Amino acid sequence: MRTKWIFFTAAAALLISCEKQKEAEKPVDPPIKISATGEVTLPAGSAKRKQLKIESVVLADVPIHEVVAPGKIEANPNRVSRVVLPLAGRISSVLVKLGDQVESGSPLITLESPDSDAAVSTNLQAQAQISQARSGLLKAQSDLERTKDLYAHNAIAKKEVLNSEAALAQAQSNLDQALALQKQAQRRLEILGLTPGDFGQKLTIRASLSGKILELNVVPGEYRNDLSAPLLTIADLSTVWVASDVQETDIRFIDPGEAITVELTAYPGEIFRAKVMRIADMVDPQTRTVKVRAEVNNAKGRLRPEMFGKIRHVEGSQQRPVIPMSAIVQGEGQNIVYKVSGNDTFLPVAVKLGEKTGERIAVSEGLKKGDQVVTDGVMLLRGN
């Protein structure tokens, strides 16, 4: 056992010795030369030269100013219907389910309500009042004719004629009021969808627009007397809105009716077009942002409320030199780029950067089209 241990120890020592010898025999890369102006020169045969990637500066369309803000998809508020009860009563049946697509006029809920019988009764009472008022009007007309005849034969005083004329006017007014009440009762029946004269009818609540059932807060058998609480919500999602909080300093670049682009985390790499519909009238005092809402076509139904993403608005563009982000290094509070100034010679150039576009960034000062710069391995030029 001891013999084996001695053997393995000797083998390990021999292996370490060979590795050290190889390291000693490895050629040493000569150091780079840096002049007083910062110009870097690589010595002939330097291995670092092969690790550098050099590219030419090109021109690209760069936004003059770009607004980017987080956004969230929401239903178009102009195409949302929150269905409430017109009368208190017991829910007889619910004819739809959550997520169903419904058409305008489709039945949603049936309701049993004593108020529906009251509406039918009110209509019948109004009809009876009309009959009574018409009878009173006929009597008043007859009385006036008789009174006028008696007055013509000097059988009564003028006062009796005036009283009969006043009675006729009152009878006509009573008929007009009865007709108005009957029209009101009839209109109520039409709105509720009830047939005149039939008691015990179930009220059918129908969809006011086409769309999807986004919320359903009712089940059969419930008695509801709160006429302000929504039973269900229908939304037409053929168009949706994207709501975004834009910084106060950027709101001057966005106007109603302008086009913006929308990017969603659910669909990376895809761009959706939108139109600014509304800009809030006030600045949020806490976040110093302004709410912007834009409309997006959603004919395919891919965009769903509460999806997150961002909006982007470009305020014009112009051609400027662009370079990869990897070409830039920080030095003494400046952005430095190494430009090829000769064979194996590189000059550090301070640049002023502009807007970022994709993986590249615009350069407003320091470089021009056609300049060659180091885009990979820049740190190899910073010293040994």
Protein backbone atom coordinates (compact mmCIF):
# COMPACT_ATOMS: atom_id res chain seq x y z
CA MET A 1 0.00 0.00 0.00
CA ARG A 2 2.84 2.36 0.91
CA THR A 3 4.56 1.54 -2.40
CA LYS A 4 1.48 2.57 -4.39
CA TRP A 5 1.23 5.87 -2.52
CA ILE A 6 4.88 6.66 -3.28
CA PHE A 7 4.28 5.85 -6.96
CA PHE A 8 1.27 8.16 -7.30
CA THR A 9 3.09 10.97 -5.48
CA ALA A 10 6.04 10.75 -7.84
CA ALA A 11 3.76 10.71 -10.91
CA ALA A 12 1.94 13.83 -9.72
CA ALA A 13 5.18 15.67 -9.10
CA LEU A 14 6.42 14.76 -12.57
CA LEU A 15 3.16 16.03 -14.16
CA ILE A 16 3.38 19.40 -12.33
CA SER A 17 7.00 19.76 -13.40
CA CYS A 18 6.07 19.19 -17.06
CA GLU A 19 3.30 21.81 -16.87
CA LYS A 20 5.65 24.39 -15.41
CA GLN A 21 8.16 23.66 -18.15
CA LYS A 22 5.50 24.18 -20.82
CA GLU A 23 4.53 27.51 -19.24
CA ALA A 24 8.14 28.57 -19.23
CA GLU A 25 8.54 27.61 -22.90
CA LYS A 26 5.34 29.50 -23.97
CA PRO A 27 6.27 32.62 -25.98
CA VAL A 28 5.58 35.90 -24.18
CA ASP A 29 3.51 38.47 -26.15
CA PRO A 30 5.56 41.67 -26.38
CA PRO A 31 3.96 44.65 -24.59
CA ILE A 32 1.93 47.25 -26.47
CA LYS A 33 3.26 50.78 -26.90
CA ILE A 34 1.22 53.77 -25.74
CA SER A 35 2.38 57.23 -26.83
CA ALA A 36 1.96 60.46 -24.89
CA THR A 37 -1.17 61.24 -26.93
CA GLY A 38 -2.64 57.86 -25.99
CA GLU A 39 -2.11 56.28 -29.41
CA VAL A 40 -1.73 52.51 -29.05
CA THR A 41 0.66 50.53 -31.25
CA LEU A 42 0.67 46.74 -31.30
CA PRO A 43 4.08 45.17 -31.91
CA ALA A 44 4.58 42.99 -34.94
CA GLY A 45 3.28 39.48 -34.44
CA SER A 46 1.19 40.43 -31.42
CA ALA A 47 -1.44 37.81 -30.59
CA LYS A 48 -3.79 40.55 -29.43
CA ARG A 49 -4.22 41.78 -33.00
CA LYS A 50 -6.04 38.58 -33.93
CA GLN A 51 -8.50 39.07 -31.05
CA LEU A 52 -9.60 42.51 -32.20
CA LYS A 53 -12.71 43.01 -34.33
CA ILE A 54 -12.75 46.10 -36.51
CA GLU A 55 -15.79 47.58 -38.25
CA SER A 56 -16.51 50.67 -40.33
CA VAL A 57 -18.78 53.42 -39.03
CA VAL A 58 -22.04 53.48 -40.98
CA LEU A 59 -24.98 55.90 -41.23
CA ALA A 60 -28.48 55.03 -40.03
CA ASP A 61 -31.80 56.79 -39.41
CA VAL A 62 -31.79 57.82 -35.76
CA PRO A 63 -34.75 59.37 -33.92
CA ILE A 64 -34.36 63.05 -33.08
CA HIS A 65 -36.29 62.34 -29.90
CA GLU A 66 -37.92 59.10 -28.84
CA VAL A 67 -40.55 58.68 -26.12
CA VAL A 68 -40.70 55.25 -24.48
CA ALA A 69 -43.11 54.53 -21.63
CA PRO A 70 -44.66 51.43 -20.01
CA GLY A 71 -48.15 50.55 -21.19
CA LYS A 72 -51.03 48.21 -20.43
CA ILE A 73 -53.85 46.91 -22.62
CA GLU A 74 -57.38 47.76 -21.48
CA ALA A 75 -60.85 47.42 -22.98
CA ASN A 76 -62.06 50.29 -25.15
CA PRO A 77 -64.25 52.22 -22.67
CA ASN A 78 -66.49 53.34 -25.53
CA ARG A 79 -67.32 49.70 -26.28
CA VAL A 80 -68.01 48.31 -22.80
CA SER A 81 -71.52 47.55 -21.51
CA ARG A 82 -72.19 46.88 -17.82
CA VAL A 83 -75.60 45.23 -17.64
CA VAL A 84 -77.82 46.18 -14.69
CA LEU A 85 -81.39 45.25 -13.76
CA PRO A 86 -84.20 47.57 -14.90
CA LEU A 87 -86.47 46.19 -12.15
CA ALA A 88 -86.03 44.42 -8.83
CA GLY A 89 -86.88 40.73 -8.89
CA ARG A 90 -85.75 37.11 -8.90
CA ILE A 91 -83.26 35.87 -11.52
CA SER A 92 -85.10 33.12 -13.37
CA SER A 93 -82.28 32.01 -15.70
CA VAL A 94 -78.83 33.04 -16.91
CA LEU A 95 -78.47 32.27 -20.61
CA VAL A 96 -74.74 33.00 -21.06
CA LYS A 97 -71.42 31.89 -19.58
CA LEU A 98 -68.20 33.73 -18.83
CA GLY A 99 -66.19 34.20 -22.04
CA ASP A 100 -69.15 33.71 -24.40
CA GLN A 101 -69.32 35.78 -27.56
CA VAL A 102 -72.73 37.46 -27.84
CA GLU A 103 -74.40 39.55 -30.51
CA SER A 104 -76.32 42.76 -29.98
CA GLY A 105 -79.88 41.87 -28.95
CA SER A 106 -79.00 38.39 -27.72
CA PRO A 107 -80.94 37.29 -24.56
CA LEU A 108 -78.76 37.27 -21.45
CA ILE A 109 -80.98 36.91 -18.38
CA THR A 110 -84.66 36.28 -17.63
CA LEU A 111 -86.23 37.95 -14.61
CA GLU A 112 -89.43 37.51 -12.62
CA SER A 113 -90.54 40.80 -11.12
CA PRO A 114 -93.76 42.09 -9.55
CA ASP A 115 -92.91 45.45 -11.05
CA SER A 116 -93.53 44.03 -14.52
CA ASP A 117 -97.14 43.29 -13.54
CA ALA A 118 -97.35 46.80 -12.10
CA ALA A 119 -96.24 48.21 -15.45
CA VAL A 120 -98.93 46.21 -17.26
CA SER A 121 -101.53 47.36 -14.72
CA THR A 122 -100.48 51.00 -15.09
CA ASN A 123 -101.00 50.75 -18.84
CA LEU A 124 -104.50 49.33 -18.40
CA GLN A 125 -105.36 52.04 -15.88
CA ALA A 126 -104.17 54.68 -18.32
CA GLN A 127 -106.43 53.23 -21.02
CA ALA A 128 -109.37 53.33 -18.61
CA GLN A 129 -108.62 56.96 -17.76
CA ILE A 130 -108.68 57.78 -21.47
CA SER A 131 -112.15 56.26 -21.83
CA GLN A 132 -113.35 58.16 -18.78
CA ALA A 133 -111.83 61.43 -20.00
CA ARG A 134 -113.42 61.02 -23.44
CA SER A 135 -116.83 60.45 -21.84
CA GLY A 136 -116.35 63.58 -19.76
CA LEU A 137 -115.36 65.53 -22.86
CA LEU A 138 -118.50 64.42 -24.75
CA LYS A 139 -120.69 65.45 -21.78
CA ALA A 140 -118.95 68.84 -21.55
CA GLN A 141 -119.49 69.44 -25.29
CA SER A 142 -123.16 68.51 -24.98
CA ASP A 143 -123.63 70.74 -21.94
CA LEU A 144 -122.03 73.66 -23.75
CA GLU A 145 -124.31 73.27 -26.78
CA ARG A 146 -127.40 73.10 -24.55
CA THR A 147 -126.27 76.12 -22.54
CA LYS A 148 -125.65 78.16 -25.67
CA ASP A 149 -129.13 77.31 -26.94
CA LEU A 150 -130.75 78.39 -23.67
CA TYR A 151 -128.71 81.60 -23.65
CA ALA A 152 -129.82 82.31 -27.22
CA HIS A 153 -133.44 82.19 -26.03
CA ASN A 154 -132.62 84.38 -22.98
CA ALA A 155 -133.36 81.49 -20.65
CA ILE A 156 -130.08 81.69 -18.72
CA ALA A 157 -127.40 84.20 -17.97
CA LYS A 158 -124.12 84.63 -19.85
CA LYS A 159 -122.33 83.30 -16.76
CA GLU A 160 -123.73 79.80 -17.38
CA VAL A 161 -122.23 79.75 -20.88
CA LEU A 162 -118.83 80.75 -19.54
CA ASN A 163 -119.00 78.00 -16.91
CA SER A 164 -119.83 75.42 -19.60
CA GLU A 165 -116.91 76.58 -21.75
CA ALA A 166 -114.57 76.27 -18.75
CA ALA A 167 -115.89 72.76 -18.05
CA LEU A 168 -115.24 71.81 -21.70
CA ALA A 169 -111.66 73.09 -21.49
CA GLN A 170 -111.08 71.13 -18.29
CA ALA A 171 -112.49 67.97 -19.89
CA GLN A 172 -110.15 68.42 -22.88
CA SER A 173 -107.21 68.88 -20.50
CA ASN A 174 -108.16 65.70 -18.63
CA LEU A 175 -108.19 63.77 -21.90
CA ASP A 176 -104.79 65.15 -22.91
CA GLN A 177 -103.33 64.13 -19.55
CA ALA A 178 -104.81 60.64 -19.84
CA LEU A 179 -103.36 60.22 -23.33
CA ALA A 180 -99.94 61.34 -22.10
CA LEU A 181 -100.02 58.89 -19.19
CA GLN A 182 -101.05 56.08 -21.52
CA LYS A 183 -98.18 56.88 -23.91
CA GLN A 184 -95.77 56.88 -20.97
CA ALA A 185 -97.09 53.52 -19.73
CA GLN A 186 -96.95 52.08 -23.25
CA ARG A 187 -93.39 53.30 -23.73
CA ARG A 188 -92.34 51.66 -20.44
CA LEU A 189 -93.76 48.35 -21.63
CA GLU A 190 -91.85 48.68 -24.92
CA ILE A 191 -88.57 49.39 -23.10
CA LEU A 192 -89.07 46.40 -20.80
CA GLY A 193 -90.11 44.21 -23.71
CA LEU A 194 -93.51 43.36 -22.19
CA THR A 195 -96.77 42.65 -23.98
CA PRO A 196 -99.69 44.93 -22.96
CA GLY A 197 -102.46 43.19 -21.07
CA ASP A 198 -100.51 40.00 -20.09
CA PHE A 199 -99.73 39.47 -16.41
CA GLY A 200 -97.02 37.14 -15.06
CA GLN A 201 -94.56 37.80 -17.91
CA LYS A 202 -90.82 37.15 -17.49
CA LEU A 203 -88.57 40.05 -18.33
CA THR A 204 -85.77 39.26 -20.82
CA ILE A 205 -82.59 41.35 -20.55
CA ARG A 206 -80.70 41.56 -23.86
CA ALA A 207 -77.19 42.58 -24.94
CA SER A 208 -76.85 46.20 -26.01
CA LEU A 209 -73.73 45.50 -28.11
CA SER A 210 -71.77 42.62 -29.60
CA GLY A 211 -68.78 41.39 -27.63
CA LYS A 212 -67.45 38.96 -25.05
CA ILE A 213 -68.68 38.35 -21.53
CA LEU A 214 -65.75 39.52 -19.40
CA GLU A 215 -67.50 39.45 -16.01
CA LEU A 216 -70.49 37.43 -14.73
CA ASN A 217 -71.76 38.19 -11.23
CA VAL A 218 -75.16 36.50 -11.09
CA VAL A 219 -76.66 32.99 -10.79
CA PRO A 220 -80.25 31.75 -11.21
CA GLY A 221 -82.49 32.03 -8.15
CA GLU A 222 -80.97 35.20 -6.72
CA TYR A 223 -83.26 38.05 -5.72
CA ARG A 224 -81.77 41.38 -6.68
CA ASN A 225 -83.07 44.81 -5.69
CA ASP A 226 -79.87 46.83 -6.25
CA LEU A 227 -80.43 48.38 -9.68
CA SER A 228 -76.93 49.93 -9.82
CA ALA A 229 -74.81 46.76 -9.36
CA PRO A 230 -73.67 45.26 -12.72
CA LEU A 231 -74.76 41.67 -13.29
CA LEU A 232 -72.31 41.13 -16.14
CA THR A 233 -69.92 43.07 -18.35
CA ILE A 234 -69.77 42.84 -22.14
CA ALA A 235 -66.81 44.27 -24.03
CA ASP A 236 -66.27 44.61 -27.77
CA LEU A 237 -62.58 43.74 -28.08
CA SER A 238 -62.32 44.29 -31.84
CA THR A 239 -60.42 47.40 -30.80
CA VAL A 240 -58.59 47.87 -27.49
CA TRP A 241 -56.78 50.74 -25.83
CA VAL A 242 -53.25 50.87 -24.51
CA ALA A 243 -52.88 53.11 -21.47
CA SER A 244 -49.47 54.55 -20.66
CA ASP A 245 -48.00 56.93 -18.11
CA VAL A 246 -45.75 59.32 -20.05
CA GLN A 247 -43.24 61.48 -18.20
CA GLU A 248 -44.18 65.11 -17.82
CA THR A 249 -41.00 66.16 -19.65
CA ASP A 250 -41.93 64.05 -22.72
CA ILE A 251 -45.63 64.83 -23.09
CA ARG A 252 -44.90 67.78 -25.42
CA PHE A 253 -43.80 65.31 -28.11
CA ILE A 254 -47.18 63.48 -28.25
CA ASP A 255 -50.40 64.90 -29.72
CA PRO A 256 -53.91 63.40 -30.15
CA GLY A 257 -54.29 61.59 -33.46
CA GLU A 258 -50.58 60.76 -33.79
CA ALA A 259 -49.37 57.25 -34.52
CA ILE A 260 -47.36 55.31 -31.95
CA THR A 261 -46.04 51.76 -31.79
CA VAL A 262 -46.78 49.19 -29.10
CA GLU A 263 -44.56 46.31 -27.99
CA LEU A 264 -46.00 43.64 -25.67
CA THR A 265 -44.17 41.16 -23.47
CA ALA A 266 -46.62 38.50 -24.66
CA TYR A 267 -45.43 38.89 -28.27
CA PRO A 268 -41.69 39.69 -28.22
CA GLY A 269 -40.36 41.14 -31.45
CA GLU A 270 -43.81 42.12 -32.78
CA ILE A 271 -44.82 45.73 -33.36
CA PHE A 272 -48.45 46.89 -33.13
CA ARG A 273 -49.66 50.21 -34.52
CA ALA A 274 -51.87 52.50 -32.43
CA LYS A 275 -53.47 55.94 -32.66
CA VAL A 276 -53.46 58.37 -29.74
CA MET A 277 -57.09 58.94 -28.73
CA ARG A 278 -56.85 60.86 -25.48
CA ILE A 279 -54.27 62.68 -23.36
CA ALA A 280 -55.21 63.38 -19.75
CA ASP A 281 -55.85 66.97 -18.75
CA MET A 282 -53.91 66.70 -15.50
CA VAL A 283 -50.46 65.57 -14.36
CA ASP A 284 -50.35 62.90 -11.67
CA PRO A 285 -48.87 64.78 -8.68
CA GLN A 286 -47.23 61.64 -7.28
CA THR A 287 -45.51 60.21 -10.36
CA ARG A 288 -45.29 63.43 -12.45
CA THR A 289 -46.70 61.54 -15.44
CA VAL A 290 -49.59 62.13 -17.85
CA LYS A 291 -51.98 59.34 -18.84
CA VAL A 292 -52.02 58.69 -22.59
CA ARG A 293 -54.49 56.29 -24.21
CA ALA A 294 -54.21 54.99 -27.77
CA GLU A 295 -56.45 52.70 -29.81
CA VAL A 296 -55.15 49.45 -31.32
CA ASN A 297 -56.90 47.28 -33.89
CA ASN A 298 -57.60 43.84 -32.42
CA ALA A 299 -59.53 42.15 -35.21
CA LYS A 300 -57.69 38.85 -34.57
CA GLY A 301 -58.40 38.96 -30.83
CA ARG A 302 -54.77 38.47 -29.81
CA LEU A 303 -54.61 41.49 -27.52
CA ARG A 304 -56.17 40.96 -24.11
CA PRO A 305 -56.88 43.46 -21.32
CA GLU A 306 -54.15 43.66 -18.65
CA MET A 307 -51.33 42.63 -21.02
CA PHE A 308 -48.18 44.62 -20.26
CA GLY A 309 -45.72 46.21 -22.66
CA LYS A 310 -44.48 49.63 -23.72
CA ILE A 311 -45.30 52.38 -26.17
CA ARG A 312 -42.81 54.10 -28.41
CA HIS A 313 -43.15 57.42 -30.22
CA VAL A 314 -40.45 58.82 -32.52
CA GLU A 315 -40.31 62.58 -33.01
CA GLY A 316 -38.73 62.64 -36.49
CA SER A 317 -35.39 61.10 -37.54
CA GLN A 318 -32.12 61.98 -39.25
CA GLN A 319 -29.08 60.09 -40.51
CA ARG A 320 -26.17 59.91 -38.10
CA PRO A 321 -23.07 57.73 -37.67
CA VAL A 322 -23.78 54.66 -35.53
CA ILE A 323 -21.48 52.16 -33.82
CA PRO A 324 -22.00 48.99 -31.78
CA MET A 325 -22.34 49.48 -28.03
CA SER A 326 -19.37 47.14 -27.52
CA ALA A 327 -17.01 49.70 -29.11
CA ILE A 328 -17.42 52.17 -26.23
CA VAL A 329 -15.30 52.26 -23.08
CA GLN A 330 -15.35 54.73 -20.21
CA GLY A 331 -12.24 56.80 -19.60
CA GLU A 332 -11.78 59.85 -17.38
CA GLY A 333 -15.47 60.75 -17.50
CA GLN A 334 -15.59 60.41 -21.27
CA ASN A 335 -16.86 57.86 -23.78
CA ILE A 336 -13.85 56.55 -25.67
CA VAL A 337 -13.70 54.72 -28.99
CA TYR A 338 -10.48 53.34 -30.50
CA LYS A 339 -10.18 54.39 -34.15
CA VAL A 340 -7.75 52.74 -36.55
CA SER A 341 -5.12 55.38 -37.40
CA GLY A 342 -2.57 53.20 -39.17
CA ASN A 343 -1.24 49.69 -39.51
CA ASP A 344 -1.58 48.15 -36.00
CA THR A 345 -2.04 51.68 -34.60
CA PHE A 346 -5.18 52.78 -32.75
CA LEU A 347 -6.10 56.26 -31.56
CA PRO A 348 -8.49 56.80 -28.62
CA VAL A 349 -11.20 59.27 -29.64
CA ALA A 350 -13.65 60.93 -27.25
CA VAL A 351 -17.17 60.74 -28.71
CA LYS A 352 -20.51 62.34 -27.86
CA LEU A 353 -23.32 59.79 -27.93
CA GLY A 354 -26.91 60.24 -29.06
CA GLU A 355 -30.02 58.04 -29.18
CA LYS A 356 -29.77 54.27 -29.04
CA THR A 357 -31.22 52.33 -31.97
CA GLY A 358 -31.30 48.57 -31.53
CA GLU A 359 -27.84 47.23 -30.64
CA ARG A 360 -26.14 50.37 -31.94
CA ILE A 361 -25.90 53.92 -30.70
CA ALA A 362 -25.66 57.19 -32.58
CA VAL A 363 -22.52 59.34 -32.43
CA SER A 364 -23.11 63.07 -32.70
CA GLU A 365 -19.46 64.12 -32.38
CA GLY A 366 -16.05 62.43 -32.83
CA LEU A 367 -16.61 60.03 -35.75
CA LYS A 368 -17.77 60.13 -39.36
CA LYS A 369 -18.96 57.62 -41.90
CA GLY A 370 -16.20 55.25 -43.04
CA ASP A 371 -14.01 55.54 -39.93
CA GLN A 372 -12.81 52.15 -38.73
CA VAL A 373 -13.15 51.42 -35.02
CA VAL A 374 -12.47 48.49 -32.73
CA THR A 375 -15.81 46.89 -31.79
CA ASP A 376 -14.62 43.80 -29.92
CA GLY A 377 -11.57 43.29 -27.70
CA VAL A 378 -11.30 46.98 -26.85
CA MET A 379 -9.98 46.30 -23.37
CA LEU A 380 -6.90 44.63 -24.87
CA LEU A 381 -5.79 48.11 -25.96
CA ARG A 382 -6.05 49.59 -22.48
CA GLY A 383 -2.66 48.24 -21.36
CA ASN A 384 -0.96 44.98 -20.33
